[in-house]
């Protein structure tokens, strides 16, 4: 899939765990892990907004598009 999720990198830079972020955002750790591993088929804008708020980032910091070869 050409969309890459860079959540783990952002978490490492901020010294935060997925569990801590999930609690702050109000989603289950399992759902956050599905997003982090790129297995999510969709993400709600409200969830994306909450992730960006807690990580102090922009959506483009979380998501990357790689051109298919």
N, C-alpha and C. Protein backbone atom coordinates (compact mmCIF):
# COMPACT_ATOMS: atom_id res chain seq x y z
N UNK A 1 0.85 -1.17 0.00
CA UNK A 1 0.00 0.00 0.00
C UNK A 1 0.90 1.24 0.00
N UNK A 2 0.59 2.22 -0.82
CA UNK A 2 1.47 3.39 -0.91
C UNK A 2 1.35 4.37 0.26
N UNK A 3 0.37 4.20 1.14
CA UNK A 3 0.27 5.06 2.32
C UNK A 3 1.05 4.42 3.46
N UNK A 4 2.00 5.15 4.02
CA UNK A 4 2.81 4.67 5.13
C UNK A 4 2.45 5.45 6.39
N UNK A 5 2.36 4.75 7.50
CA UNK A 5 2.06 5.35 8.79
C UNK A 5 3.36 5.53 9.56
N UNK A 6 3.61 6.73 10.05
CA UNK A 6 4.86 7.01 10.76
C UNK A 6 4.61 7.28 12.24
N UNK A 7 3.63 6.62 12.80
CA UNK A 7 3.26 6.85 14.19
C UNK A 7 4.37 6.42 15.14
N UNK A 8 4.97 5.27 14.92
CA UNK A 8 6.00 4.77 15.84
C UNK A 8 7.18 5.74 15.93
N UNK A 9 7.55 6.35 14.81
CA UNK A 9 8.64 7.32 14.81
C UNK A 9 8.29 8.53 15.67
N UNK A 10 7.05 9.03 15.50
CA UNK A 10 6.62 10.18 16.28
C UNK A 10 6.54 9.85 17.77
N UNK A 11 6.06 8.66 18.09
CA UNK A 11 6.00 8.24 19.49
C UNK A 11 7.40 8.18 20.10
N UNK A 12 8.34 7.62 19.38
CA UNK A 12 9.72 7.50 19.87
C UNK A 12 10.32 8.89 20.10
N UNK A 13 10.07 9.82 19.18
CA UNK A 13 10.60 11.18 19.32
C UNK A 13 10.03 11.88 20.55
N UNK A 14 8.81 11.51 20.94
CA UNK A 14 8.15 12.17 22.06
C UNK A 14 8.23 11.37 23.36
N UNK A 15 8.87 10.20 23.30
CA UNK A 15 9.01 9.37 24.48
C UNK A 15 7.67 8.88 25.01
N UNK A 16 6.78 8.54 24.12
CA UNK A 16 5.42 8.13 24.48
C UNK A 16 5.17 6.72 23.95
N UNK A 17 4.33 5.97 24.65
CA UNK A 17 3.96 4.63 24.20
C UNK A 17 2.62 4.68 23.47
N UNK A 18 2.34 3.63 22.71
CA UNK A 18 1.04 3.52 22.06
C UNK A 18 -0.07 3.50 23.10
N UNK A 19 0.16 2.80 24.19
CA UNK A 19 -0.86 2.70 25.23
C UNK A 19 -1.18 4.08 25.81
N UNK A 20 -0.15 4.86 26.10
CA UNK A 20 -0.35 6.20 26.64
C UNK A 20 -1.11 7.08 25.64
N UNK A 21 -0.73 7.02 24.38
CA UNK A 21 -1.41 7.82 23.36
C UNK A 21 -2.86 7.39 23.22
N UNK A 22 -3.12 6.09 23.22
CA UNK A 22 -4.49 5.59 23.10
C UNK A 22 -5.36 6.12 24.22
N UNK A 23 -4.83 6.14 25.44
CA UNK A 23 -5.58 6.67 26.58
C UNK A 23 -5.87 8.16 26.41
N UNK A 24 -4.89 8.90 25.95
CA UNK A 24 -5.05 10.34 25.76
C UNK A 24 -6.07 10.66 24.68
N UNK A 25 -6.08 9.84 23.63
CA UNK A 25 -6.96 10.08 22.48
C UNK A 25 -8.36 9.51 22.72
N UNK A 26 -8.45 8.49 23.57
CA UNK A 26 -9.74 7.88 23.84
C UNK A 26 -10.12 6.77 22.88
N UNK A 27 -9.11 6.03 22.41
CA UNK A 27 -9.38 4.85 21.58
C UNK A 27 -8.69 3.66 22.24
N UNK A 28 -9.05 2.48 21.81
CA UNK A 28 -8.45 1.29 22.41
C UNK A 28 -7.02 1.12 21.90
N UNK A 29 -6.15 0.56 22.73
CA UNK A 29 -4.79 0.28 22.26
C UNK A 29 -4.80 -0.63 21.01
N UNK A 30 -5.74 -1.55 20.94
CA UNK A 30 -5.82 -2.44 19.78
C UNK A 30 -6.12 -1.65 18.50
N UNK A 31 -7.04 -0.71 18.58
CA UNK A 31 -7.37 0.10 17.40
C UNK A 31 -6.20 1.00 17.01
N UNK A 32 -5.49 1.54 17.98
CA UNK A 32 -4.33 2.37 17.67
C UNK A 32 -3.25 1.52 17.00
N UNK A 33 -3.09 0.28 17.47
CA UNK A 33 -2.10 -0.61 16.87
C UNK A 33 -2.47 -0.96 15.43
N UNK A 34 -3.74 -1.14 15.16
CA UNK A 34 -4.18 -1.41 13.78
C UNK A 34 -3.81 -0.23 12.89
N UNK A 35 -4.00 0.98 13.39
CA UNK A 35 -3.61 2.17 12.63
C UNK A 35 -2.09 2.22 12.46
N UNK A 36 -1.35 2.00 13.54
CA UNK A 36 0.11 2.11 13.52
C UNK A 36 0.76 1.12 12.58
N UNK A 37 0.17 -0.06 12.45
CA UNK A 37 0.75 -1.09 11.57
C UNK A 37 0.29 -0.98 10.13
N UNK A 38 -0.55 0.01 9.85
CA UNK A 38 -1.02 0.21 8.48
C UNK A 38 -2.11 -0.74 8.05
N UNK A 39 -2.73 -1.43 9.00
CA UNK A 39 -3.79 -2.38 8.67
C UNK A 39 -5.17 -1.74 8.64
N UNK A 40 -5.28 -0.48 9.07
CA UNK A 40 -6.57 0.20 9.09
C UNK A 40 -7.01 0.50 7.66
N UNK A 41 -8.27 0.31 7.39
CA UNK A 41 -8.83 0.63 6.07
C UNK A 41 -9.31 2.07 5.99
N UNK A 42 -9.53 2.67 7.16
CA UNK A 42 -10.01 4.05 7.22
C UNK A 42 -9.64 4.64 8.57
N UNK A 43 -9.65 5.95 8.64
CA UNK A 43 -9.43 6.64 9.91
C UNK A 43 -10.38 7.84 9.93
N UNK A 44 -11.05 8.02 11.03
CA UNK A 44 -11.97 9.15 11.17
C UNK A 44 -11.15 10.43 11.32
N UNK A 45 -11.68 11.50 10.75
CA UNK A 45 -11.00 12.79 10.89
C UNK A 45 -10.91 13.20 12.36
N UNK A 46 -11.91 12.85 13.16
CA UNK A 46 -11.85 13.20 14.57
C UNK A 46 -10.71 12.46 15.27
N UNK A 47 -10.45 11.22 14.88
CA UNK A 47 -9.33 10.46 15.44
C UNK A 47 -8.01 11.05 14.97
N UNK A 48 -7.92 11.36 13.69
CA UNK A 48 -6.71 11.97 13.15
C UNK A 48 -6.43 13.31 13.83
N UNK A 49 -7.48 14.09 14.04
CA UNK A 49 -7.34 15.37 14.73
C UNK A 49 -6.83 15.17 16.16
N UNK A 50 -7.39 14.19 16.87
CA UNK A 50 -6.96 13.92 18.25
C UNK A 50 -5.51 13.45 18.29
N UNK A 51 -5.11 12.60 17.35
CA UNK A 51 -3.72 12.14 17.29
C UNK A 51 -2.79 13.32 17.06
N UNK A 52 -3.14 14.19 16.13
CA UNK A 52 -2.30 15.35 15.84
C UNK A 52 -2.24 16.30 17.03
N UNK A 53 -3.34 16.47 17.71
CA UNK A 53 -3.37 17.35 18.89
C UNK A 53 -2.43 16.81 19.97
N UNK A 54 -2.52 15.52 20.27
CA UNK A 54 -1.71 14.93 21.34
C UNK A 54 -0.23 14.83 20.96
N UNK A 55 0.04 14.61 19.69
CA UNK A 55 1.43 14.48 19.24
C UNK A 55 2.02 15.81 18.79
N UNK A 56 1.18 16.85 18.79
CA UNK A 56 1.61 18.18 18.34
C UNK A 56 2.26 18.10 16.95
N UNK A 57 1.47 17.55 16.02
CA UNK A 57 1.97 17.38 14.67
C UNK A 57 0.85 17.70 13.66
N UNK A 58 1.17 17.54 12.40
CA UNK A 58 0.22 17.72 11.31
C UNK A 58 -0.08 16.33 10.72
N UNK A 59 -1.20 16.18 10.02
CA UNK A 59 -1.51 14.88 9.42
C UNK A 59 -0.38 14.34 8.54
N UNK A 60 0.29 15.23 7.83
CA UNK A 60 1.40 14.81 6.97
C UNK A 60 2.59 14.26 7.73
N UNK A 61 2.66 14.55 9.03
CA UNK A 61 3.72 13.98 9.85
C UNK A 61 3.40 12.52 10.20
N UNK A 62 2.12 12.18 10.21
CA UNK A 62 1.67 10.82 10.52
C UNK A 62 1.57 9.94 9.29
N UNK A 63 1.17 10.54 8.18
CA UNK A 63 0.91 9.79 6.95
C UNK A 63 1.87 10.19 5.85
N UNK A 64 2.33 9.23 5.11
CA UNK A 64 3.23 9.49 3.98
C UNK A 64 2.73 8.72 2.77
N UNK A 65 2.85 9.32 1.61
CA UNK A 65 2.44 8.66 0.37
C UNK A 65 3.68 8.31 -0.44
N UNK A 66 3.82 7.04 -0.78
CA UNK A 66 4.93 6.58 -1.59
C UNK A 66 4.40 6.20 -2.96
N UNK A 67 4.96 6.80 -3.97
CA UNK A 67 4.56 6.50 -5.35
C UNK A 67 4.84 5.04 -5.67
N UNK A 68 3.82 4.32 -6.19
CA UNK A 68 4.08 2.94 -6.61
C UNK A 68 5.04 2.90 -7.78
N UNK A 69 5.86 1.87 -7.84
CA UNK A 69 6.84 1.74 -8.92
C UNK A 69 6.20 1.23 -10.19
